[in-house]
N, C-alpha and C. Protein backbone atom coordinates (compact mmCIF):
# COMPACT_ATOMS: atom_id res chain seq x y z
N MET A 1 0.86 -1.18 0.00
CA MET A 1 0.00 0.00 0.00
C MET A 1 0.90 1.24 0.00
N ASP A 2 0.63 2.14 -0.90
CA ASP A 2 1.45 3.36 -1.02
C ASP A 2 1.09 4.42 0.00
N TYR A 3 -0.18 4.45 0.38
CA TYR A 3 -0.65 5.50 1.27
C TYR A 3 -0.22 5.21 2.71
N LYS A 4 0.26 6.24 3.42
CA LYS A 4 0.64 6.09 4.83
C LYS A 4 -0.15 7.08 5.68
N THR A 5 -0.75 6.58 6.75
CA THR A 5 -1.41 7.46 7.71
C THR A 5 -0.39 7.85 8.78
N ASN A 6 -0.75 8.80 9.60
CA ASN A 6 0.12 9.21 10.71
C ASN A 6 0.42 8.00 11.62
N ALA A 7 -0.59 7.19 11.90
CA ALA A 7 -0.39 6.01 12.76
C ALA A 7 0.63 5.06 12.13
N MET A 8 0.56 4.88 10.81
CA MET A 8 1.54 4.00 10.12
C MET A 8 2.94 4.60 10.21
N ARG A 9 3.04 5.91 10.06
CA ARG A 9 4.36 6.56 10.16
C ARG A 9 4.95 6.39 11.57
N ILE A 10 4.11 6.45 12.58
CA ILE A 10 4.56 6.24 13.96
C ILE A 10 5.10 4.81 14.12
N LEU A 11 4.37 3.84 13.58
CA LEU A 11 4.81 2.45 13.65
C LEU A 11 6.13 2.26 12.90
N ASP A 12 6.25 2.88 11.73
CA ASP A 12 7.49 2.81 10.94
C ASP A 12 8.66 3.39 11.74
N LYS A 13 8.41 4.56 12.35
CA LYS A 13 9.46 5.25 13.10
C LYS A 13 10.00 4.37 14.23
N HIS A 14 9.11 3.60 14.84
CA HIS A 14 9.50 2.73 15.96
C HIS A 14 9.89 1.33 15.48
N LYS A 15 9.94 1.16 14.15
CA LYS A 15 10.32 -0.13 13.55
C LYS A 15 9.44 -1.28 14.05
N ILE A 16 8.14 -1.02 14.10
CA ILE A 16 7.19 -2.04 14.52
C ILE A 16 6.51 -2.62 13.28
N ALA A 17 6.58 -3.94 13.17
CA ALA A 17 5.98 -4.62 12.03
C ALA A 17 4.45 -4.56 12.13
N TYR A 18 3.82 -4.25 11.01
CA TYR A 18 2.36 -4.22 10.95
C TYR A 18 1.93 -4.55 9.53
N LYS A 19 0.67 -4.89 9.42
CA LYS A 19 0.08 -5.11 8.10
C LYS A 19 -0.97 -4.02 7.91
N ALA A 20 -0.98 -3.39 6.75
CA ALA A 20 -1.94 -2.32 6.48
C ALA A 20 -3.04 -2.85 5.57
N TYR A 21 -4.25 -2.37 5.81
CA TYR A 21 -5.41 -2.73 4.99
C TYR A 21 -6.11 -1.46 4.54
N SER A 22 -6.72 -1.56 3.37
CA SER A 22 -7.56 -0.46 2.91
C SER A 22 -8.91 -1.03 2.50
N TYR A 23 -9.96 -0.35 2.91
CA TYR A 23 -11.30 -0.74 2.47
C TYR A 23 -12.00 0.45 1.81
N VAL A 24 -11.21 1.41 1.28
CA VAL A 24 -11.77 2.63 0.69
C VAL A 24 -12.67 2.33 -0.50
N ASP A 25 -12.44 1.23 -1.19
CA ASP A 25 -13.26 0.92 -2.37
C ASP A 25 -14.48 0.07 -2.03
N THR A 26 -14.87 0.05 -0.75
CA THR A 26 -16.08 -0.67 -0.32
C THR A 26 -17.07 0.33 0.27
N ASP A 27 -18.31 -0.13 0.54
CA ASP A 27 -19.24 0.79 1.23
C ASP A 27 -19.31 0.46 2.71
N ALA A 28 -18.30 -0.21 3.24
CA ALA A 28 -18.28 -0.57 4.66
C ALA A 28 -18.27 0.70 5.51
N VAL A 29 -19.16 0.73 6.49
CA VAL A 29 -19.24 1.87 7.40
C VAL A 29 -19.01 1.39 8.83
N SER A 30 -19.83 0.45 9.28
CA SER A 30 -19.70 -0.04 10.66
C SER A 30 -18.48 -0.94 10.77
N GLY A 31 -18.04 -1.13 11.99
CA GLY A 31 -16.89 -1.99 12.23
C GLY A 31 -17.11 -3.42 11.75
N VAL A 32 -18.33 -3.93 11.92
CA VAL A 32 -18.65 -5.29 11.47
C VAL A 32 -18.56 -5.35 9.94
N GLU A 33 -19.04 -4.30 9.25
CA GLU A 33 -18.94 -4.25 7.79
C GLU A 33 -17.48 -4.17 7.35
N VAL A 34 -16.67 -3.42 8.09
CA VAL A 34 -15.24 -3.30 7.78
C VAL A 34 -14.58 -4.68 7.91
N ALA A 35 -14.86 -5.39 9.02
CA ALA A 35 -14.29 -6.72 9.22
C ALA A 35 -14.68 -7.64 8.06
N ALA A 36 -15.94 -7.58 7.63
CA ALA A 36 -16.40 -8.42 6.52
C ALA A 36 -15.69 -8.03 5.22
N ALA A 37 -15.56 -6.72 4.98
CA ALA A 37 -14.90 -6.24 3.76
C ALA A 37 -13.44 -6.69 3.71
N LEU A 38 -12.81 -6.81 4.88
CA LEU A 38 -11.41 -7.23 4.94
C LEU A 38 -11.27 -8.75 5.05
N GLY A 39 -12.42 -9.45 5.16
CA GLY A 39 -12.38 -10.90 5.32
C GLY A 39 -11.78 -11.32 6.66
N GLN A 40 -12.02 -10.52 7.69
CA GLN A 40 -11.43 -10.77 9.01
C GLN A 40 -12.50 -11.13 10.04
N ASP A 41 -12.08 -11.82 11.07
CA ASP A 41 -12.94 -12.20 12.19
C ASP A 41 -13.30 -10.93 12.97
N PRO A 42 -14.59 -10.59 13.10
CA PRO A 42 -14.96 -9.37 13.84
C PRO A 42 -14.46 -9.37 15.29
N ALA A 43 -14.18 -10.53 15.86
CA ALA A 43 -13.66 -10.58 17.23
C ALA A 43 -12.22 -10.08 17.29
N GLN A 44 -11.53 -10.05 16.13
CA GLN A 44 -10.13 -9.63 16.07
C GLN A 44 -9.98 -8.19 15.58
N VAL A 45 -11.10 -7.60 15.11
CA VAL A 45 -11.09 -6.22 14.62
C VAL A 45 -11.66 -5.34 15.72
N PHE A 46 -10.90 -4.33 16.14
CA PHE A 46 -11.26 -3.51 17.28
C PHE A 46 -11.61 -2.09 16.85
N LYS A 47 -12.60 -1.51 17.56
CA LYS A 47 -12.94 -0.10 17.33
C LYS A 47 -12.38 0.72 18.48
N THR A 48 -12.04 1.97 18.16
CA THR A 48 -11.44 2.88 19.13
C THR A 48 -12.53 3.84 19.62
N LEU A 49 -12.78 3.81 20.91
CA LEU A 49 -13.82 4.66 21.51
C LEU A 49 -13.18 5.63 22.50
N VAL A 50 -13.64 6.87 22.47
CA VAL A 50 -13.09 7.90 23.36
C VAL A 50 -14.19 8.32 24.32
N THR A 51 -13.83 8.35 25.59
CA THR A 51 -14.79 8.70 26.64
C THR A 51 -14.27 9.87 27.46
N LEU A 52 -15.16 10.40 28.27
CA LEU A 52 -14.84 11.51 29.16
C LEU A 52 -15.39 11.18 30.54
N SER A 53 -14.58 11.40 31.56
CA SER A 53 -15.02 11.13 32.94
C SER A 53 -15.59 12.40 33.54
N LYS A 54 -16.17 12.24 34.73
CA LYS A 54 -16.70 13.40 35.47
C LYS A 54 -15.59 14.41 35.77
N SER A 55 -14.36 13.90 35.91
CA SER A 55 -13.22 14.77 36.21
C SER A 55 -12.66 15.42 34.94
N ARG A 56 -13.38 15.25 33.83
CA ARG A 56 -13.03 15.85 32.52
C ARG A 56 -11.74 15.24 31.95
N THR A 57 -11.47 13.98 32.30
CA THR A 57 -10.32 13.26 31.77
C THR A 57 -10.79 12.37 30.63
N HIS A 58 -10.05 12.39 29.53
CA HIS A 58 -10.37 11.51 28.40
C HIS A 58 -9.72 10.15 28.59
N TYR A 59 -10.44 9.11 28.20
CA TYR A 59 -9.93 7.74 28.22
C TYR A 59 -10.27 7.10 26.88
N VAL A 60 -9.37 6.25 26.41
CA VAL A 60 -9.56 5.56 25.14
C VAL A 60 -9.74 4.07 25.42
N PHE A 61 -10.72 3.48 24.74
CA PHE A 61 -11.00 2.04 24.89
C PHE A 61 -11.06 1.39 23.52
N LEU A 62 -10.44 0.23 23.39
CA LEU A 62 -10.53 -0.56 22.16
C LEU A 62 -11.31 -1.82 22.48
N ILE A 63 -12.38 -2.03 21.72
CA ILE A 63 -13.21 -3.22 21.92
C ILE A 63 -13.52 -3.85 20.57
N PRO A 64 -13.85 -5.16 20.56
CA PRO A 64 -14.21 -5.79 19.29
C PRO A 64 -15.39 -5.06 18.63
N VAL A 65 -15.35 -4.98 17.30
CA VAL A 65 -16.31 -4.14 16.56
C VAL A 65 -17.77 -4.54 16.76
N ALA A 66 -18.03 -5.81 17.06
CA ALA A 66 -19.42 -6.24 17.21
C ALA A 66 -19.96 -6.02 18.62
N GLU A 67 -19.10 -5.54 19.52
CA GLU A 67 -19.48 -5.38 20.93
C GLU A 67 -19.83 -3.93 21.26
N GLU A 68 -20.47 -3.77 22.42
CA GLU A 68 -20.77 -2.43 22.95
C GLU A 68 -19.95 -2.23 24.22
N LEU A 69 -19.42 -1.03 24.37
CA LEU A 69 -18.64 -0.72 25.57
C LEU A 69 -19.57 -0.67 26.78
N ASP A 70 -19.20 -1.40 27.82
CA ASP A 70 -19.91 -1.34 29.10
C ASP A 70 -19.29 -0.18 29.87
N LEU A 71 -20.01 0.92 29.98
CA LEU A 71 -19.45 2.14 30.58
C LEU A 71 -19.06 1.95 32.04
N LYS A 72 -19.80 1.12 32.76
CA LYS A 72 -19.45 0.85 34.17
C LYS A 72 -18.12 0.10 34.26
N LYS A 73 -17.97 -0.93 33.44
CA LYS A 73 -16.73 -1.71 33.44
C LYS A 73 -15.56 -0.83 32.97
N ALA A 74 -15.83 0.00 31.97
CA ALA A 74 -14.79 0.89 31.45
C ALA A 74 -14.33 1.85 32.54
N ALA A 75 -15.28 2.48 33.23
CA ALA A 75 -14.94 3.42 34.31
C ALA A 75 -14.14 2.70 35.40
N HIS A 76 -14.60 1.53 35.79
CA HIS A 76 -13.92 0.76 36.83
C HIS A 76 -12.47 0.46 36.42
N SER A 77 -12.27 0.13 35.12
CA SER A 77 -10.93 -0.25 34.65
C SER A 77 -9.92 0.89 34.74
N VAL A 78 -10.41 2.13 34.75
CA VAL A 78 -9.51 3.29 34.84
C VAL A 78 -9.62 4.02 36.17
N GLY A 79 -10.34 3.41 37.14
CA GLY A 79 -10.44 3.99 38.47
C GLY A 79 -11.34 5.21 38.56
N GLU A 80 -12.32 5.30 37.68
CA GLU A 80 -13.27 6.42 37.70
C GLU A 80 -14.64 5.91 38.16
N LYS A 81 -15.47 6.83 38.70
CA LYS A 81 -16.83 6.47 39.08
C LYS A 81 -17.69 6.24 37.84
N SER A 82 -17.49 7.09 36.81
CA SER A 82 -18.25 6.93 35.58
C SER A 82 -17.52 7.58 34.41
N VAL A 83 -17.82 7.08 33.22
CA VAL A 83 -17.34 7.68 31.98
C VAL A 83 -18.50 7.69 31.01
N GLU A 84 -18.45 8.62 30.06
CA GLU A 84 -19.47 8.64 29.01
C GLU A 84 -18.76 8.87 27.68
N MET A 85 -19.41 8.42 26.62
CA MET A 85 -18.84 8.62 25.29
C MET A 85 -18.78 10.12 25.02
N ILE A 86 -17.69 10.58 24.38
CA ILE A 86 -17.66 12.00 24.04
C ILE A 86 -18.54 12.23 22.81
N LYS A 87 -19.00 13.44 22.68
CA LYS A 87 -19.86 13.78 21.55
C LYS A 87 -19.01 13.81 20.27
N SER A 88 -19.62 13.44 19.15
CA SER A 88 -18.90 13.38 17.88
C SER A 88 -18.16 14.68 17.56
N LYS A 89 -18.82 15.81 17.85
CA LYS A 89 -18.19 17.10 17.51
C LYS A 89 -16.96 17.40 18.38
N GLU A 90 -16.82 16.70 19.52
CA GLU A 90 -15.67 16.90 20.41
C GLU A 90 -14.49 15.98 20.05
N LEU A 91 -14.75 14.98 19.20
CA LEU A 91 -13.72 14.00 18.88
C LEU A 91 -12.52 14.61 18.17
N LEU A 92 -12.75 15.36 17.11
CA LEU A 92 -11.65 15.95 16.34
C LEU A 92 -10.81 16.92 17.18
N PRO A 93 -11.43 17.87 17.91
CA PRO A 93 -10.60 18.76 18.74
C PRO A 93 -9.80 18.01 19.83
N ALA A 94 -10.38 16.96 20.39
CA ALA A 94 -9.71 16.24 21.48
C ALA A 94 -8.60 15.31 20.98
N THR A 95 -8.84 14.65 19.82
CA THR A 95 -7.92 13.60 19.39
C THR A 95 -7.17 13.91 18.09
N GLY A 96 -7.75 14.77 17.26
CA GLY A 96 -7.19 15.00 15.93
C GLY A 96 -7.76 14.04 14.90
N TYR A 97 -8.68 13.19 15.33
CA TYR A 97 -9.29 12.20 14.44
C TYR A 97 -10.80 12.44 14.30
N VAL A 98 -11.35 11.93 13.19
CA VAL A 98 -12.80 12.02 12.97
C VAL A 98 -13.45 10.68 13.30
N HIS A 99 -14.75 10.73 13.53
CA HIS A 99 -15.54 9.53 13.81
C HIS A 99 -15.38 8.55 12.64
N GLY A 100 -15.04 7.30 12.95
CA GLY A 100 -14.86 6.30 11.90
C GLY A 100 -13.40 6.16 11.47
N GLY A 101 -12.55 7.10 11.90
CA GLY A 101 -11.14 7.04 11.53
C GLY A 101 -10.25 7.33 12.72
N CYS A 102 -10.69 6.92 13.89
CA CYS A 102 -9.98 7.23 15.13
C CYS A 102 -9.07 6.08 15.51
N SER A 103 -7.78 6.37 15.62
CA SER A 103 -6.78 5.36 16.00
C SER A 103 -6.25 5.69 17.39
N PRO A 104 -5.90 4.65 18.17
CA PRO A 104 -5.28 4.95 19.46
C PRO A 104 -3.87 5.53 19.29
N LEU A 105 -3.29 5.34 18.12
CA LEU A 105 -1.96 5.85 17.81
C LEU A 105 -2.04 7.24 17.19
N GLY A 106 -1.20 8.15 17.68
CA GLY A 106 -1.10 9.45 17.04
C GLY A 106 -2.16 10.46 17.44
N MET A 107 -2.82 10.25 18.56
CA MET A 107 -3.78 11.26 19.03
C MET A 107 -3.01 12.50 19.48
N LYS A 108 -3.73 13.63 19.60
CA LYS A 108 -3.09 14.88 20.01
C LYS A 108 -2.36 14.75 21.34
N LYS A 109 -2.93 13.95 22.24
CA LYS A 109 -2.33 13.72 23.55
C LYS A 109 -2.28 12.22 23.77
N ASN A 110 -1.44 11.78 24.70
CA ASN A 110 -1.41 10.37 25.07
C ASN A 110 -2.44 10.13 26.15
N PHE A 111 -3.57 9.58 25.76
CA PHE A 111 -4.64 9.29 26.72
C PHE A 111 -4.45 7.87 27.26
N VAL A 112 -4.93 7.66 28.49
CA VAL A 112 -4.93 6.31 29.06
C VAL A 112 -5.74 5.43 28.12
N THR A 113 -5.13 4.32 27.68
CA THR A 113 -5.76 3.44 26.69
C THR A 113 -5.88 2.04 27.25
N THR A 114 -7.11 1.51 27.19
CA THR A 114 -7.40 0.17 27.70
C THR A 114 -8.00 -0.65 26.56
N ILE A 115 -7.51 -1.85 26.41
CA ILE A 115 -7.97 -2.75 25.35
C ILE A 115 -8.74 -3.90 25.98
N HIS A 116 -9.85 -4.27 25.35
CA HIS A 116 -10.63 -5.40 25.88
C HIS A 116 -9.75 -6.64 25.95
N GLU A 117 -9.87 -7.36 27.06
CA GLU A 117 -8.95 -8.45 27.36
C GLU A 117 -8.95 -9.57 26.31
N THR A 118 -9.97 -9.68 25.49
CA THR A 118 -9.96 -10.74 24.46
C THR A 118 -8.86 -10.51 23.44
N ALA A 119 -8.30 -9.31 23.37
CA ALA A 119 -7.19 -9.04 22.44
C ALA A 119 -6.02 -9.97 22.73
N LYS A 120 -5.90 -10.40 23.99
CA LYS A 120 -4.76 -11.23 24.38
C LYS A 120 -4.81 -12.63 23.79
N VAL A 121 -5.99 -13.07 23.31
CA VAL A 121 -6.08 -14.42 22.73
C VAL A 121 -5.61 -14.45 21.27
N PHE A 122 -5.42 -13.29 20.67
CA PHE A 122 -4.98 -13.21 19.28
C PHE A 122 -3.50 -12.83 19.21
N ASP A 123 -2.83 -13.35 18.19
CA ASP A 123 -1.44 -12.93 17.95
C ASP A 123 -1.40 -11.47 17.52
N THR A 124 -2.44 -11.06 16.78
CA THR A 124 -2.53 -9.67 16.30
C THR A 124 -3.96 -9.19 16.41
N ILE A 125 -4.11 -7.87 16.49
CA ILE A 125 -5.44 -7.26 16.41
C ILE A 125 -5.40 -6.22 15.30
N ILE A 126 -6.58 -5.89 14.80
CA ILE A 126 -6.72 -4.93 13.71
C ILE A 126 -7.51 -3.74 14.25
N PHE A 127 -7.04 -2.53 13.94
CA PHE A 127 -7.76 -1.33 14.37
C PHE A 127 -7.49 -0.21 13.39
N SER A 128 -8.18 0.90 13.57
CA SER A 128 -8.07 2.00 12.62
C SER A 128 -6.65 2.54 12.54
N ALA A 129 -6.26 2.85 11.31
CA ALA A 129 -4.95 3.45 11.07
C ALA A 129 -5.02 4.97 11.13
N GLY A 130 -6.17 5.50 11.54
CA GLY A 130 -6.27 6.94 11.74
C GLY A 130 -6.88 7.71 10.58
N LYS A 131 -7.43 6.99 9.62
CA LYS A 131 -8.13 7.62 8.50
C LYS A 131 -9.19 6.65 8.04
N ILE A 132 -10.39 7.17 7.77
CA ILE A 132 -11.47 6.30 7.31
C ILE A 132 -11.00 5.56 6.07
N GLY A 133 -11.18 4.25 6.07
CA GLY A 133 -10.78 3.42 4.93
C GLY A 133 -9.48 2.68 5.13
N TYR A 134 -8.79 2.91 6.28
CA TYR A 134 -7.49 2.28 6.51
C TYR A 134 -7.43 1.65 7.89
N GLN A 135 -6.85 0.44 7.95
CA GLN A 135 -6.69 -0.29 9.20
C GLN A 135 -5.25 -0.79 9.28
N VAL A 136 -4.79 -1.05 10.49
CA VAL A 136 -3.49 -1.70 10.70
C VAL A 136 -3.69 -2.93 11.57
N GLU A 137 -2.82 -3.90 11.36
CA GLU A 137 -2.85 -5.13 12.15
C GLU A 137 -1.48 -5.32 12.78
N LEU A 138 -1.46 -5.49 14.10
CA LEU A 138 -0.20 -5.71 14.78
C LEU A 138 -0.43 -6.42 16.11
N ASN A 139 0.67 -6.86 16.67
CA ASN A 139 0.61 -7.54 17.95
C ASN A 139 0.39 -6.51 19.06
N PRO A 140 -0.57 -6.74 19.96
CA PRO A 140 -0.79 -5.77 21.05
C PRO A 140 0.47 -5.51 21.88
N ALA A 141 1.34 -6.51 22.02
CA ALA A 141 2.59 -6.31 22.78
C ALA A 141 3.48 -5.28 22.08
N ASP A 142 3.44 -5.26 20.74
CA ASP A 142 4.21 -4.25 20.01
C ASP A 142 3.63 -2.86 20.24
N LEU A 143 2.31 -2.78 20.30
CA LEU A 143 1.66 -1.49 20.59
C LEU A 143 2.10 -1.00 21.98
N ALA A 144 2.19 -1.93 22.91
CA ALA A 144 2.59 -1.59 24.28
C ALA A 144 4.03 -1.07 24.36
N ARG A 145 4.84 -1.36 23.34
CA ARG A 145 6.23 -0.86 23.32
C ARG A 145 6.28 0.65 23.06
N ILE A 146 5.24 1.20 22.43
CA ILE A 146 5.29 2.63 22.08
C ILE A 146 4.25 3.48 22.78
N MET A 147 3.31 2.84 23.47
CA MET A 147 2.32 3.62 24.25
C MET A 147 1.82 2.77 25.41
N PRO A 148 1.50 3.44 26.53
CA PRO A 148 1.02 2.66 27.67
C PRO A 148 -0.39 2.14 27.41
N ILE A 149 -0.56 0.83 27.49
CA ILE A 149 -1.88 0.24 27.35
C ILE A 149 -2.10 -0.72 28.50
N SER A 150 -3.34 -1.02 28.77
CA SER A 150 -3.68 -2.07 29.73
C SER A 150 -4.83 -2.86 29.14
N PHE A 151 -5.12 -3.98 29.77
CA PHE A 151 -6.21 -4.84 29.32
C PHE A 151 -7.21 -5.00 30.44
N ALA A 152 -8.50 -5.04 30.08
CA ALA A 152 -9.55 -5.20 31.09
C ALA A 152 -10.81 -5.73 30.41
N GLU A 153 -11.71 -6.23 31.24
CA GLU A 153 -13.04 -6.64 30.77
C GLU A 153 -13.83 -5.36 30.51
N LEU A 154 -14.21 -5.12 29.26
CA LEU A 154 -14.86 -3.85 28.90
C LEU A 154 -16.25 -4.00 28.30
N VAL A 155 -16.66 -5.26 28.02
CA VAL A 155 -17.98 -5.44 27.38
C VAL A 155 -18.86 -6.35 28.21
């Protein structure tokens, strides 16, 4: 693939092996549709969700595309009483990414990032490369080499 997103450039800079995917020539919109368009198991394809706590702290959660984030479990995993999804219009100013193209890599700030524990059963997980139509696949341990992540029950 000739096109590089910011997230891919970050992975290149850190010499982390990854596989890039593009689904720009499909009408896939939802994460489940993206997984189908890529011929991948939806349990291995993760969506990036950004939340806000009562203390006005942003938290990032990665969960399988077919699942819904359990806000209570998410809050508990980061030591907060509660978290809520941020509004779509707040996503770009907070992260630098748009809805549907949000990657945990390359956000404006390094937010606490928690990945659903099922990621540990796969050698690699797939998530947004930071632009609608592009995904990256890599080992979660490699992601942990360049940003602090943790794993928890989130769904």
